[in-house]
Amino acid sequence: MKIISKPWLWFGIPSLVLALHAGIIAFPALRVAGSDFFLLFCVLFACVACFWRAWQMRNLRVGLQWYLAGAGIALWAGGQVIYTYIDVHRIAQTTALNSDLLFFLYGVPFLLAICSVVDQPRL
């Protein structure tokens, strides 16, 4: 497994994303949509990173935990897509949003990943 040791990747890219986000929300007409789309971009980036990490793992048990983390973040991304659509199109909601279920369920794969650790000693 190759570890990336370039500091500009760890500080430069997140700083660029943060600066772009700040630039987008500086315009009042783009605040809601711009912020929602940047949140969606970050969630999708995290989801792809988890699946890429799982694919790179040689140990299948550890890879399964990364796949579960990616699945949880994919549920979060699905909730963010629905929330962004509702928020951008200004659809009135008087009850819980349709995306709330996905935001709630995204933790289930993480709990499965935490509970499925096999190589750790038992108490």
PDB file of N, CA and C in Angstrom:
ATOM      1  N   MET A   1       0.847  -1.171   0.000  1.00  0.00           N
ATOM      2  CA  MET A   1       0.000   0.000   0.000  1.00  0.00           C
ATOM      3  C   MET A   1       0.890   1.231   0.000  1.00  0.00           C
ATOM      4  N   LYS A   2       0.627   2.137  -0.892  1.00  0.00           N
ATOM      5  CA  LYS A   2       1.428   3.342  -1.037  1.00  0.00           C
ATOM      6  C   LYS A   2       0.789   4.482  -0.248  1.00  0.00           C
ATOM      7  N   ILE A   3       1.593   5.114   0.593  1.00  0.00           N
ATOM      8  CA  ILE A   3       1.109   6.246   1.387  1.00  0.00           C
ATOM      9  C   ILE A   3       1.554   7.531   0.705  1.00  0.00           C
ATOM     10  N   ILE A   4       0.625   8.426   0.503  1.00  0.00           N
ATOM     11  CA  ILE A   4       0.931   9.695  -0.154  1.00  0.00           C
ATOM     12  C   ILE A   4       1.532  10.627   0.885  1.00  0.00           C
ATOM     13  N   SER A   5       2.738  11.100   0.618  1.00  0.00           N
ATOM     14  CA  SER A   5       3.414  11.938   1.601  1.00  0.00           C
ATOM     15  C   SER A   5       3.608  13.362   1.113  1.00  0.00           C
ATOM     16  N   LYS A   6       2.817  13.802   0.204  1.00  0.00           N
ATOM     17  CA  LYS A   6       2.926  15.173  -0.289  1.00  0.00           C
ATOM     18  C   LYS A   6       2.034  16.078   0.568  1.00  0.00           C
ATOM     19  N   PRO A   7       2.637  17.034   1.297  1.00  0.00           N
ATOM     20  CA  PRO A   7       1.817  17.869   2.189  1.00  0.00           C
ATOM     21  C   PRO A   7       0.829  18.767   1.452  1.00  0.00           C
ATOM     22  N   TRP A   8       1.105  19.109   0.190  1.00  0.00           N
ATOM     23  CA  TRP A   8       0.166  19.965  -0.527  1.00  0.00           C
ATOM     24  C   TRP A   8      -1.138  19.240  -0.814  1.00  0.00           C
ATOM     25  N   LEU A   9      -1.099  17.911  -0.861  1.00  0.00           N
ATOM     26  CA  LEU A   9      -2.346  17.165  -1.042  1.00  0.00           C
ATOM     27  C   LEU A   9      -3.218  17.239   0.201  1.00  0.00           C
ATOM     28  N   TRP A  10      -2.595  17.211   1.369  1.00  0.00           N
ATOM     29  CA  TRP A  10      -3.347  17.188   2.626  1.00  0.00           C
ATOM     30  C   TRP A  10      -3.836  18.569   3.033  1.00  0.00           C
ATOM     31  N   PHE A  11      -3.135  19.611   2.619  1.00  0.00           N
ATOM     32  CA  PHE A  11      -3.523  20.963   3.024  1.00  0.00           C
ATOM     33  C   PHE A  11      -3.982  21.825   1.851  1.00  0.00           C
ATOM     34  N   GLY A  12      -3.411  21.603   0.679  1.00  0.00           N
ATOM     35  CA  GLY A  12      -3.731  22.439  -0.471  1.00  0.00           C
ATOM     36  C   GLY A  12      -5.107  22.193  -1.046  1.00  0.00           C
ATOM     37  N   ILE A  13      -5.438  20.927  -1.265  1.00  0.00           N
ATOM     38  CA  ILE A  13      -6.730  20.603  -1.874  1.00  0.00           C
ATOM     39  C   ILE A  13      -7.895  20.955  -0.948  1.00  0.00           C
ATOM     40  N   PRO A  14      -7.841  20.590   0.350  1.00  0.00           N
ATOM     41  CA  PRO A  14      -8.945  21.028   1.225  1.00  0.00           C
ATOM     42  C   PRO A  14      -9.043  22.550   1.334  1.00  0.00           C
ATOM     43  N   SER A  15      -7.902  23.228   1.326  1.00  0.00           N
ATOM     44  CA  SER A  15      -7.940  24.698   1.377  1.00  0.00           C
ATOM     45  C   SER A  15      -8.564  25.263   0.113  1.00  0.00           C
ATOM     46  N   LEU A  16      -8.277  24.654  -1.031  1.00  0.00           N
ATOM     47  CA  LEU A  16      -8.875  25.096  -2.289  1.00  0.00           C
ATOM     48  C   LEU A  16     -10.385  24.879  -2.285  1.00  0.00           C
ATOM     49  N   VAL A  17     -10.828  23.723  -1.804  1.00  0.00           N
ATOM     50  CA  VAL A  17     -12.266  23.448  -1.729  1.00  0.00           C
ATOM     51  C   VAL A  17     -12.941  24.437  -0.780  1.00  0.00           C
ATOM     52  N   LEU A  18     -12.309  24.716   0.354  1.00  0.00           N
ATOM     53  CA  LEU A  18     -12.867  25.683   1.304  1.00  0.00           C
ATOM     54  C   LEU A  18     -12.931  27.077   0.706  1.00  0.00           C
ATOM     55  N   ALA A  19     -11.893  27.481  -0.028  1.00  0.00           N
ATOM     56  CA  ALA A  19     -11.897  28.807  -0.663  1.00  0.00           C
ATOM     57  C   ALA A  19     -12.969  28.890  -1.744  1.00  0.00           C
ATOM     58  N   LEU A  20     -13.135  27.827  -2.528  1.00  0.00           N
ATOM     59  CA  LEU A  20     -14.195  27.821  -3.548  1.00  0.00           C
ATOM     60  C   LEU A  20     -15.583  27.893  -2.911  1.00  0.00           C
ATOM     61  N   HIS A  21     -15.759  27.178  -1.806  1.00  0.00           N
ATOM     62  CA  HIS A  21     -17.035  27.211  -1.106  1.00  0.00           C
ATOM     63  C   HIS A  21     -17.311  28.612  -0.576  1.00  0.00           C
ATOM     64  N   ALA A  22     -16.302  29.234   0.013  1.00  0.00           N
ATOM     65  CA  ALA A  22     -16.475  30.606   0.517  1.00  0.00           C
ATOM     66  C   ALA A  22     -16.772  31.570  -0.629  1.00  0.00           C
ATOM     67  N   GLY A  23     -16.133  31.354  -1.778  1.00  0.00           N
ATOM     68  CA  GLY A  23     -16.397  32.218  -2.930  1.00  0.00           C
ATOM     69  C   GLY A  23     -17.808  32.056  -3.467  1.00  0.00           C
ATOM     70  N   ILE A  24     -18.312  30.834  -3.472  1.00  0.00           N
ATOM     71  CA  ILE A  24     -19.670  30.592  -3.969  1.00  0.00           C
ATOM     72  C   ILE A  24     -20.709  31.201  -3.038  1.00  0.00           C
ATOM     73  N   ILE A  25     -20.542  31.021  -1.734  1.00  0.00           N
ATOM     74  CA  ILE A  25     -21.575  31.535  -0.822  1.00  0.00           C
ATOM     75  C   ILE A  25     -21.468  33.037  -0.617  1.00  0.00           C
ATOM     76  N   ALA A  26     -20.459  33.673  -1.216  1.00  0.00           N
ATOM     77  CA  ALA A  26     -20.385  35.132  -1.162  1.00  0.00           C
ATOM     78  C   ALA A  26     -21.474  35.766  -2.026  1.00  0.00           C
ATOM     79  N   PHE A  27     -21.988  35.017  -2.995  1.00  0.00           N
ATOM     80  CA  PHE A  27     -23.055  35.520  -3.851  1.00  0.00           C
ATOM     81  C   PHE A  27     -24.402  35.096  -3.261  1.00  0.00           C
ATOM     82  N   PRO A  28     -25.254  36.054  -2.899  1.00  0.00           N
ATOM     83  CA  PRO A  28     -26.524  35.701  -2.241  1.00  0.00           C
ATOM     84  C   PRO A  28     -27.418  34.776  -3.062  1.00  0.00           C
ATOM     85  N   ALA A  29     -27.378  34.878  -4.367  1.00  0.00           N
ATOM     86  CA  ALA A  29     -28.255  34.036  -5.189  1.00  0.00           C
ATOM     87  C   ALA A  29     -27.793  32.580  -5.206  1.00  0.00           C
ATOM     88  N   LEU A  30     -26.533  32.335  -4.899  1.00  0.00           N
ATOM     89  CA  LEU A  30     -25.988  30.982  -4.975  1.00  0.00           C
ATOM     90  C   LEU A  30     -25.743  30.344  -3.616  1.00  0.00           C
ATOM     91  N   ARG A  31     -26.123  31.010  -2.536  1.00  0.00           N
ATOM     92  CA  ARG A  31     -25.785  30.502  -1.205  1.00  0.00           C
ATOM     93  C   ARG A  31     -26.355  29.117  -0.935  1.00  0.00           C
ATOM     94  N   VAL A  32     -27.633  28.953  -1.139  1.00  0.00           N
ATOM     95  CA  VAL A  32     -28.282  27.688  -0.791  1.00  0.00           C
ATOM     96  C   VAL A  32     -27.803  26.578  -1.717  1.00  0.00           C
ATOM     97  N   ALA A  33     -27.928  26.782  -3.008  1.00  0.00           N
ATOM     98  CA  ALA A  33     -27.556  25.746  -3.963  1.00  0.00           C
ATOM     99  C   ALA A  33     -26.057  25.475  -3.921  1.00  0.00           C
ATOM    100  N   GLY A  34     -25.249  26.513  -3.834  1.00  0.00           N
ATOM    101  CA  GLY A  34     -23.802  26.331  -3.801  1.00  0.00           C
ATOM    102  C   GLY A  34     -23.342  25.566  -2.586  1.00  0.00           C
ATOM    103  N   SER A  35     -23.891  25.898  -1.432  1.00  0.00           N
ATOM    104  CA  SER A  35     -23.523  25.192  -0.215  1.00  0.00           C
ATOM    105  C   SER A  35     -23.958  23.732  -0.259  1.00  0.00           C
ATOM    106  N   ASP A  36     -25.170  23.491  -0.740  1.00  0.00           N
ATOM    107  CA  ASP A  36     -25.656  22.110  -0.838  1.00  0.00           C
ATOM    108  C   ASP A  36     -24.823  21.288  -1.816  1.00  0.00           C
ATOM    109  N   PHE A  37     -24.437  21.883  -2.939  1.00  0.00           N
ATOM    110  CA  PHE A  37     -23.646  21.140  -3.912  1.00  0.00           C
ATOM    111  C   PHE A  37     -22.228  20.872  -3.411  1.00  0.00           C
ATOM    112  N   PHE A  38     -21.657  21.805  -2.642  1.00  0.00           N
ATOM    113  CA  PHE A  38     -20.340  21.534  -2.070  1.00  0.00           C
ATOM    114  C   PHE A  38     -20.416  20.454  -1.002  1.00  0.00           C
ATOM    115  N   LEU A  39     -21.472  20.441  -0.208  1.00  0.00           N
ATOM    116  CA  LEU A  39     -21.652  19.346   0.746  1.00  0.00           C
ATOM    117  C   LEU A  39     -21.783  18.012   0.018  1.00  0.00           C
ATOM    118  N   LEU A  40     -22.535  18.002  -1.060  1.00  0.00           N
ATOM    119  CA  LEU A  40     -22.698  16.789  -1.845  1.00  0.00           C
ATOM    120  C   LEU A  40     -21.367  16.342  -2.452  1.00  0.00           C
ATOM    121  N   PHE A  41     -20.579  17.293  -2.945  1.00  0.00           N
ATOM    122  CA  PHE A  41     -19.270  16.962  -3.501  1.00  0.00           C
ATOM    123  C   PHE A  41     -18.369  16.324  -2.449  1.00  0.00           C
ATOM    124  N   CYS A  42     -18.334  16.882  -1.256  1.00  0.00           N
ATOM    125  CA  CYS A  42     -17.483  16.344  -0.192  1.00  0.00           C
ATOM    126  C   CYS A  42     -17.929  14.950   0.237  1.00  0.00           C
ATOM    127  N   VAL A  43     -19.227  14.725   0.322  1.00  0.00           N
ATOM    128  CA  VAL A  43     -19.734  13.410   0.704  1.00  0.00           C
ATOM    129  C   VAL A  43     -19.409  12.377  -0.376  1.00  0.00           C
ATOM    130  N   LEU A  44     -19.597  12.734  -1.636  1.00  0.00           N
ATOM    131  CA  LEU A  44     -19.279  11.798  -2.713  1.00  0.00           C
ATOM    132  C   LEU A  44     -17.783  11.513  -2.781  1.00  0.00           C
ATOM    133  N   PHE A  45     -16.959  12.514  -2.515  1.00  0.00           N
ATOM    134  CA  PHE A  45     -15.512  12.313  -2.482  1.00  0.00           C
ATOM    135  C   PHE A  45     -15.134  11.338  -1.372  1.00  0.00           C
ATOM    136  N   ALA A  46     -15.738  11.483  -0.194  1.00  0.00           N
ATOM    137  CA  ALA A  46     -15.464  10.565   0.916  1.00  0.00           C
ATOM    138  C   ALA A  46     -15.934   9.152   0.580  1.00  0.00           C
ATOM    139  N   CYS A  47     -17.063   9.035  -0.093  1.00  0.00           N
ATOM    140  CA  CYS A  47     -17.591   7.721  -0.478  1.00  0.00           C
ATOM    141  C   CYS A  47     -16.648   7.029  -1.457  1.00  0.00           C
ATOM    142  N   VAL A  48     -16.203   7.746  -2.465  1.00  0.00           N
ATOM    143  CA  VAL A  48     -15.263   7.180  -3.435  1.00  0.00           C
ATOM    144  C   VAL A  48     -13.951   6.810  -2.757  1.00  0.00           C
ATOM    145  N   ALA A  49     -13.484   7.637  -1.830  1.00  0.00           N
ATOM    146  CA  ALA A  49     -12.237   7.346  -1.117  1.00  0.00           C
ATOM    147  C   ALA A  49     -12.367   6.064  -0.299  1.00  0.00           C
ATOM    148  N   CYS A  50     -13.493   5.846   0.356  1.00  0.00           N
ATOM    149  CA  CYS A  50     -13.691   4.616   1.138  1.00  0.00           C
ATOM    150  C   CYS A  50     -13.720   3.390   0.246  1.00  0.00           C
ATOM    151  N   PHE A  51     -14.431   3.465  -0.884  1.00  0.00           N
ATOM    152  CA  PHE A  51     -14.482   2.320  -1.786  1.00  0.00           C
ATOM    153  C   PHE A  51     -13.117   2.061  -2.435  1.00  0.00           C
ATOM    154  N   TRP A  52     -12.372   3.125  -2.744  1.00  0.00           N
ATOM    155  CA  TRP A  52     -11.037   2.958  -3.299  1.00  0.00           C
ATOM    156  C   TRP A  52     -10.120   2.292  -2.285  1.00  0.00           C
ATOM    157  N   ARG A  53     -10.218   2.720  -1.027  1.00  0.00           N
ATOM    158  CA  ARG A  53      -9.398   2.129   0.032  1.00  0.00           C
ATOM    159  C   ARG A  53      -9.763   0.651   0.235  1.00  0.00           C
ATOM    160  N   ALA A  54     -11.033   0.335   0.170  1.00  0.00           N
ATOM    161  CA  ALA A  54     -11.454  -1.062   0.309  1.00  0.00           C
ATOM    162  C   ALA A  54     -10.922  -1.901  -0.839  1.00  0.00           C
ATOM    163  N   TRP A  55     -10.917  -1.350  -2.030  1.00  0.00           N
ATOM    164  CA  TRP A  55     -10.434  -2.067  -3.190  1.00  0.00           C
ATOM    165  C   TRP A  55      -8.928  -2.316  -3.106  1.00  0.00           C
ATOM    166  N   GLN A  56      -8.191  -1.397  -2.452  1.00  0.00           N
ATOM    167  CA  GLN A  56      -6.746  -1.515  -2.311  1.00  0.00           C
ATOM    168  C   GLN A  56      -6.325  -2.497  -1.220  1.00  0.00           C
ATOM    169  N   MET A  57      -7.209  -2.853  -0.312  1.00  0.00           N
ATOM    170  CA  MET A  57      -6.875  -3.721   0.823  1.00  0.00           C
ATOM    171  C   MET A  57      -6.623  -5.147   0.362  1.00  0.00           C
ATOM    172  N   ARG A  58      -5.590  -5.728   0.907  1.00  0.00           N
ATOM    173  CA  ARG A  58      -5.294  -7.133   0.621  1.00  0.00           C
ATOM    174  C   ARG A  58      -5.995  -8.049   1.624  1.00  0.00           C
ATOM    175  N   ASN A  59      -6.214  -7.559   2.827  1.00  0.00           N
ATOM    176  CA  ASN A  59      -6.926  -8.311   3.850  1.00  0.00           C
ATOM    177  C   ASN A  59      -8.428  -8.111   3.623  1.00  0.00           C
ATOM    178  N   LEU A  60      -9.134  -9.173   3.326  1.00  0.00           N
ATOM    179  CA  LEU A  60     -10.552  -9.055   2.980  1.00  0.00           C
ATOM    180  C   LEU A  60     -11.405  -8.603   4.156  1.00  0.00           C
ATOM    181  N   ARG A  61     -11.005  -8.951   5.383  1.00  0.00           N
ATOM    182  CA  ARG A  61     -11.794  -8.532   6.544  1.00  0.00           C
ATOM    183  C   ARG A  61     -11.719  -7.024   6.740  1.00  0.00           C
ATOM    184  N   VAL A  62     -10.533  -6.470   6.573  1.00  0.00           N
ATOM    185  CA  VAL A  62     -10.386  -5.015   6.693  1.00  0.00           C
ATOM    186  C   VAL A  62     -11.050  -4.332   5.503  1.00  0.00           C
ATOM    187  N   GLY A  63     -10.928  -4.932   4.313  1.00  0.00           N
ATOM    188  CA  GLY A  63     -11.587  -4.374   3.132  1.00  0.00           C
ATOM    189  C   GLY A  63     -13.094  -4.335   3.287  1.00  0.00           C
ATOM    190  N   LEU A  64     -13.656  -5.366   3.924  1.00  0.00           N
ATOM    191  CA  LEU A  64     -15.097  -5.378   4.166  1.00  0.00           C
ATOM    192  C   LEU A  64     -15.514  -4.212   5.048  1.00  0.00           C
ATOM    193  N   GLN A  65     -14.712  -3.879   6.039  1.00  0.00           N
ATOM    194  CA  GLN A  65     -15.048  -2.743   6.899  1.00  0.00           C
ATOM    195  C   GLN A  65     -14.993  -1.423   6.130  1.00  0.00           C
ATOM    196  N   TRP A  66     -14.051  -1.304   5.200  1.00  0.00           N
ATOM    197  CA  TRP A  66     -14.018  -0.095   4.370  1.00  0.00           C
ATOM    198  C   TRP A  66     -15.210  -0.047   3.416  1.00  0.00           C
ATOM    199  N   TYR A  67     -15.617  -1.216   2.901  1.00  0.00           N
ATOM    200  CA  TYR A  67     -16.819  -1.246   2.053  1.00  0.00           C
ATOM    201  C   TYR A  67     -18.060  -0.848   2.853  1.00  0.00           C
ATOM    202  N   LEU A  68     -18.139  -1.301   4.093  1.00  0.00           N
ATOM    203  CA  LEU A  68     -19.275  -0.910   4.939  1.00  0.00           C
ATOM    204  C   LEU A  68     -19.261   0.590   5.216  1.00  0.00           C
ATOM    205  N   ALA A  69     -18.077   1.143   5.468  1.00  0.00           N
ATOM    206  CA  ALA A  69     -17.982   2.596   5.668  1.00  0.00           C
ATOM    207  C   ALA A  69     -18.402   3.333   4.404  1.00  0.00           C
ATOM    208  N   GLY A  70     -17.974   2.835   3.244  1.00  0.00           N
ATOM    209  CA  GLY A  70     -18.389   3.448   1.981  1.00  0.00           C
ATOM    210  C   GLY A  70     -19.881   3.347   1.752  1.00  0.00           C
ATOM    211  N   ALA A  71     -20.472   2.223   2.153  1.00  0.00           N
ATOM    212  CA  ALA A  71     -21.929   2.062   2.016  1.00  0.00           C
ATOM    213  C   ALA A  71     -22.664   3.046   2.914  1.00  0.00           C
ATOM    214  N   GLY A  72     -22.153   3.244   4.131  1.00  0.00           N
ATOM    215  CA  GLY A  72     -22.769   4.228   5.019  1.00  0.00           C
ATOM    216  C   GLY A  72     -22.691   5.630   4.449  1.00  0.00           C
ATOM    217  N   ILE A  73     -21.536   5.977   3.908  1.00  0.00           N
ATOM    218  CA  ILE A  73     -21.389   7.308   3.320  1.00  0.00           C
ATOM    219  C   ILE A  73     -22.227   7.421   2.046  1.00  0.00           C
ATOM    220  N   ALA A  74     -22.417   6.318   1.324  1.00  0.00           N
ATOM    221  CA  ALA A  74     -23.301   6.347   0.150  1.00  0.00           C
ATOM    222  C   ALA A  74     -24.751   6.617   0.562  1.00  0.00           C
ATOM    223  N   LEU A  75     -25.175   6.050   1.694  1.00  0.00           N
ATOM    224  CA  LEU A  75     -26.520   6.375   2.202  1.00  0.00           C
ATOM    225  C   LEU A  75     -26.620   7.853   2.558  1.00  0.00           C
ATOM    226  N   TRP A  76     -25.570   8.379   3.162  1.00  0.00           N
ATOM    227  CA  TRP A  76     -25.529   9.802   3.494  1.00  0.00           C
ATOM    228  C   TRP A  76     -25.588  10.631   2.210  1.00  0.00           C
ATOM    229  N   ALA A  77     -24.862  10.207   1.170  1.00  0.00           N
ATOM    230  CA  ALA A  77     -24.891  10.927  -0.103  1.00  0.00           C
ATOM    231  C   ALA A  77     -26.285  10.891  -0.717  1.00  0.00           C
ATOM    232  N   GLY A  78     -26.971   9.749  -0.598  1.00  0.00           N
ATOM    233  CA  GLY A  78     -28.345   9.678  -1.095  1.00  0.00           C
ATOM    234  C   GLY A  78     -29.256  10.646  -0.363  1.00  0.00           C
ATOM    235  N   GLY A  79     -29.107  10.718   0.933  1.00  0.00           N
ATOM    236  CA  GLY A  79     -29.886  11.689   1.706  1.00  0.00           C
ATOM    237  C   GLY A  79     -29.546  13.114   1.318  1.00  0.00           C
ATOM    238  N   GLN A  80     -28.271  13.379   1.051  1.00  0.00           N
ATOM    239  CA  GLN A  80     -27.865  14.727   0.650  1.00  0.00           C
ATOM    240  C   GLN A  80     -28.412  15.088  -0.728  1.00  0.00           C
ATOM    241  N   VAL A  81     -28.484  14.121  -1.625  1.00  0.00           N
ATOM    242  CA  VAL A  81     -29.058  14.378  -2.955  1.00  0.00           C
ATOM    243  C   VAL A  81     -30.534  14.762  -2.826  1.00  0.00           C
ATOM    244  N   ILE A  82     -31.269  13.999  -2.032  1.00  0.00           N
ATOM    245  CA  ILE A  82     -32.691  14.302  -1.848  1.00  0.00           C
ATOM    246  C   ILE A  82     -32.860  15.652  -1.160  1.00  0.00           C
ATOM    247  N   TYR A  83     -32.047  15.922  -0.128  1.00  0.00           N
ATOM    248  CA  TYR A  83     -32.154  17.197   0.577  1.00  0.00           C
ATOM    249  C   TYR A  83     -31.799  18.367  -0.344  1.00  0.00           C
ATOM    250  N   THR A  84     -30.761  18.190  -1.163  1.00  0.00           N
ATOM    251  CA  THR A  84     -30.369  19.256  -2.090  1.00  0.00           C
ATOM    252  C   THR A  84     -31.477  19.530  -3.091  1.00  0.00           C
ATOM    253  N   TYR A  85     -32.109  18.494  -3.604  1.00  0.00           N
ATOM    254  CA  TYR A  85     -33.211  18.676  -4.551  1.00  0.00           C
ATOM    255  C   TYR A  85     -34.361  19.438  -3.893  1.00  0.00           C
ATOM    256  N   ILE A  86     -34.714  19.035  -2.683  1.00  0.00           N
ATOM    257  CA  ILE A  86     -35.812  19.701  -1.975  1.00  0.00           C
ATOM    258  C   ILE A  86     -35.449  21.146  -1.659  1.00  0.00           C
ATOM    259  N   ASP A  87     -34.189  21.366  -1.261  1.00  0.00           N
ATOM    260  CA  ASP A  87     -33.760  22.707  -0.860  1.00  0.00           C
ATOM    261  C   ASP A  87     -33.641  23.648  -2.063  1.00  0.00           C
ATOM    262  N   VAL A  88     -33.106  23.154  -3.162  1.00  0.00           N
ATOM    263  CA  VAL A  88     -32.916  24.002  -4.343  1.00  0.00           C
ATOM    264  C   VAL A  88     -34.248  24.335  -5.013  1.00  0.00           C
ATOM    265  N   HIS A  89     -35.138  23.362  -5.075  1.00  0.00           N
ATOM    266  CA  HIS A  89     -36.439  23.594  -5.715  1.00  0.00           C
ATOM    267  C   HIS A  89     -37.478  24.157  -4.746  1.00  0.00           C
ATOM    268  N   ARG A  90     -37.081  24.404  -3.515  1.00  0.00           N
ATOM    269  CA  ARG A  90     -37.921  25.023  -2.486  1.00  0.00           C
ATOM    270  C   ARG A  90     -39.270  24.313  -2.345  1.00  0.00           C
ATOM    271  N   ILE A  91     -39.200  23.001  -2.213  1.00  0.00           N
ATOM    272  CA  ILE A  91     -40.404  22.200  -2.015  1.00  0.00           C
ATOM    273  C   ILE A  91     -40.772  22.274  -0.539  1.00  0.00           C
ATOM    274  N   ALA A  92     -42.003  22.648  -0.257  1.00  0.00           N
ATOM    275  CA  ALA A  92     -42.444  22.804   1.129  1.00  0.00           C
ATOM    276  C   ALA A  92     -42.644  21.434   1.768  1.00  0.00           C
ATOM    277  N   GLN A  93     -42.110  21.272   2.957  1.00  0.00           N
ATOM    278  CA  GLN A  93     -42.254  20.024   3.716  1.00  0.00           C
ATOM    279  C   GLN A  93     -42.864  20.364   5.072  1.00  0.00           C
ATOM    280  N   THR A  94     -43.976  19.751   5.369  1.00  0.00           N
ATOM    281  CA  THR A  94     -44.602  19.995   6.671  1.00  0.00           C
ATOM    282  C   THR A  94     -44.283  18.882   7.663  1.00  0.00           C
ATOM    283  N   THR A  95     -43.797  17.765   7.161  1.00  0.00           N
ATOM    284  CA  THR A  95     -43.420  16.641   8.028  1.00  0.00           C
ATOM    285  C   THR A  95     -41.922  16.399   7.874  1.00  0.00           C
ATOM    286  N   ALA A  96     -41.459  15.280   8.366  1.00  0.00           N
ATOM    287  CA  ALA A  96     -40.047  14.945   8.221  1.00  0.00           C
ATOM    288  C   ALA A  96     -39.694  14.845   6.735  1.00  0.00           C
ATOM    289  N   LEU A  97     -38.490  15.267   6.418  1.00  0.00           N
ATOM    290  CA  LEU A  97     -38.053  15.224   5.031  1.00  0.00           C
ATOM    291  C   LEU A  97     -37.847  13.786   4.579  1.00  0.00           C
ATOM    292  N   ASN A  98     -37.950  13.574   3.297  1.00  0.00           N
ATOM    293  CA  ASN A  98     -37.718  12.239   2.745  1.00  0.00           C
ATOM    294  C   ASN A  98     -36.281  11.794   2.951  1.00  0.00           C
ATOM    295  N   SER A  99     -35.371  12.743   3.041  1.00  0.00           N
ATOM    296  CA  SER A  99     -33.961  12.406   3.196  1.00  0.00           C
ATOM    297  C   SER A  99     -33.595  12.035   4.629  1.00  0.00           C
ATOM    298  N   ASP A 100     -34.456  12.334   5.577  1.00  0.00           N
ATOM    299  CA  ASP A 100     -34.131  12.065   6.983  1.00  0.00           C
ATOM    300  C   ASP A 100     -33.906  10.584   7.256  1.00  0.00           C
ATOM    301  N   LEU A 101     -34.624   9.713   6.563  1.00  0.00           N
ATOM    302  CA  LEU A 101     -34.445   8.276   6.761  1.00  0.00           C
ATOM    303  C   LEU A 101     -33.036   7.850   6.357  1.00  0.00           C
ATOM    304  N   LEU A 102     -32.549   8.357   5.223  1.00  0.00           N
ATOM    305  CA  LEU A 102     -31.200   8.006   4.787  1.00  0.00           C
ATOM    306  C   LEU A 102     -30.151   8.603   5.712  1.00  0.00           C
ATOM    307  N   PHE A 103     -30.394   9.818   6.207  1.00  0.00           N
ATOM    308  CA  PHE A 103     -29.459  10.404   7.163  1.00  0.00           C
ATOM    309  C   PHE A 103     -29.427   9.592   8.458  1.00  0.00           C
ATOM    310  N   PHE A 104     -30.533   8.992   8.811  1.00  0.00           N
ATOM    311  CA  PHE A 104     -30.591   8.160  10.013  1.00  0.00           C
ATOM    312  C   PHE A 104     -29.920   6.802   9.776  1.00  0.00           C
ATOM    313  N   LEU A 105     -30.169   6.217   8.603  1.00  0.00           N
ATOM    314  CA  LEU A 105     -29.681   4.866   8.329  1.00  0.00           C
ATOM    315  C   LEU A 105     -28.197   4.798   7.978  1.00  0.00           C
ATOM    316  N   TYR A 106     -27.564   5.940   7.703  1.00  0.00           N
ATOM    317  CA  TYR A 106     -26.162   5.862   7.288  1.00  0.00           C
ATOM    318  C   TYR A 106     -25.268   5.328   8.397  1.00  0.00           C
ATOM    319  N   GLY A 107     -25.702   5.379   9.626  1.00  0.00           N
ATOM    320  CA  GLY A 107     -24.895   4.866  10.726  1.00  0.00           C
ATOM    321  C   GLY A 107     -24.914   3.359  10.861  1.00  0.00           C
ATOM    322  N   VAL A 108     -25.891   2.688  10.256  1.00  0.00           N
ATOM    323  CA  VAL A 108     -26.010   1.232  10.396  1.00  0.00           C
ATOM    324  C   VAL A 108     -24.793   0.504   9.825  1.00  0.00           C
ATOM    325  N   PRO A 109     -24.321   0.814   8.604  1.00  0.00           N
ATOM    326  CA  PRO A 109     -23.121   0.122   8.129  1.00  0.00           C
ATOM    327  C   PRO A 109     -21.883   0.412   8.981  1.00  0.00           C
ATOM    328  N   PHE A 110     -21.801   1.606   9.553  1.00  0.00           N
ATOM    329  CA  PHE A 110     -20.677   1.899  10.443  1.00  0.00           C
ATOM    330  C   PHE A 110     -20.732   1.028  11.691  1.00  0.00           C
ATOM    331  N   LEU A 111     -21.920   0.846  12.236  1.00  0.00           N
ATOM    332  CA  LEU A 111     -22.051  -0.039  13.400  1.00  0.00           C
ATOM    333  C   LEU A 111     -21.707  -1.478  13.036  1.00  0.00           C
ATOM    334  N   LEU A 112     -22.107  -1.915  11.852  1.00  0.00           N
ATOM    335  CA  LEU A 112     -21.731  -3.255  11.400  1.00  0.00           C
ATOM    336  C   LEU A 112     -20.217  -3.388  11.256  1.00  0.00           C
ATOM    337  N   ALA A 113     -19.571  -2.363  10.749  1.00  0.00           N
ATOM    338  CA  ALA A 113     -18.111  -2.403  10.601  1.00  0.00           C
ATOM    339  C   ALA A 113     -17.426  -2.447  11.959  1.00  0.00           C
ATOM    340  N   ILE A 114     -17.939  -1.695  12.909  1.00  0.00           N
ATOM    341  CA  ILE A 114     -17.347  -1.690  14.248  1.00  0.00           C
ATOM    342  C   ILE A 114     -17.555  -3.030  14.933  1.00  0.00           C
ATOM    343  N   CYS A 115     -18.737  -3.599  14.782  1.00  0.00           N
ATOM    344  CA  CYS A 115     -19.065  -4.850  15.473  1.00  0.00           C
ATOM    345  C   CYS A 115     -18.487  -6.077  14.784  1.00  0.00           C
ATOM    346  N   SER A 116     -18.024  -5.953  13.551  1.00  0.00           N
ATOM    347  CA  SER A 116     -17.546  -7.128  12.828  1.00  0.00           C
ATOM    348  C   SER A 116     -16.036  -7.302  12.901  1.00  0.00           C
ATOM    349  N   VAL A 117     -15.381  -6.661  13.847  1.00  0.00           N
ATOM    350  CA  VAL A 117     -13.943  -6.838  14.008  1.00  0.00           C
ATOM    351  C   VAL A 117     -13.701  -8.244  14.546  1.00  0.00           C
ATOM    352  N   VAL A 118     -12.970  -9.050  13.785  1.00  0.00           N
ATOM    353  CA  VAL A 118     -12.782 -10.453  14.129  1.00  0.00           C
ATOM    354  C   VAL A 118     -11.417 -10.705  14.768  1.00  0.00           C
ATOM    355  N   ASP A 119     -10.409  -9.951  14.347  1.00  0.00           N
ATOM    356  CA  ASP A 119      -9.051 -10.221  14.802  1.00  0.00           C
ATOM    357  C   ASP A 119      -8.722  -9.682  16.177  1.00  0.00           C
ATOM    358  N   GLN A 120      -9.627  -8.919  16.775  1.00  0.00           N
ATOM    359  CA  GLN A 120      -9.372  -8.325  18.089  1.00  0.00           C
ATOM    360  C   GLN A 120      -9.666  -9.338  19.190  1.00  0.00           C
ATOM    361  N   PRO A 121      -8.899  -9.296  20.269  1.00  0.00           N
ATOM    362  CA  PRO A 121      -9.183 -10.212  21.388  1.00  0.00           C
ATOM    363  C   PRO A 121     -10.504  -9.860  22.064  1.00  0.00           C
ATOM    364  N   ARG A 122     -11.185 -10.865  22.539  1.00  0.00           N
ATOM    365  CA  ARG A 122     -12.469 -10.679  23.197  1.00  0.00           C
ATOM    366  C   ARG A 122     -12.257 -10.307  24.655  1.00  0.00           C
ATOM    367  N   LEU A 123     -13.224  -9.654  25.265  1.00  0.00           N
ATOM    368  CA  LEU A 123     -13.150  -9.310  26.691  1.00  0.00           C
ATOM    369  C   LEU A 123     -13.518 -10.492  27.548  1.00  0.00           C
TER     370      LEU A 123
END
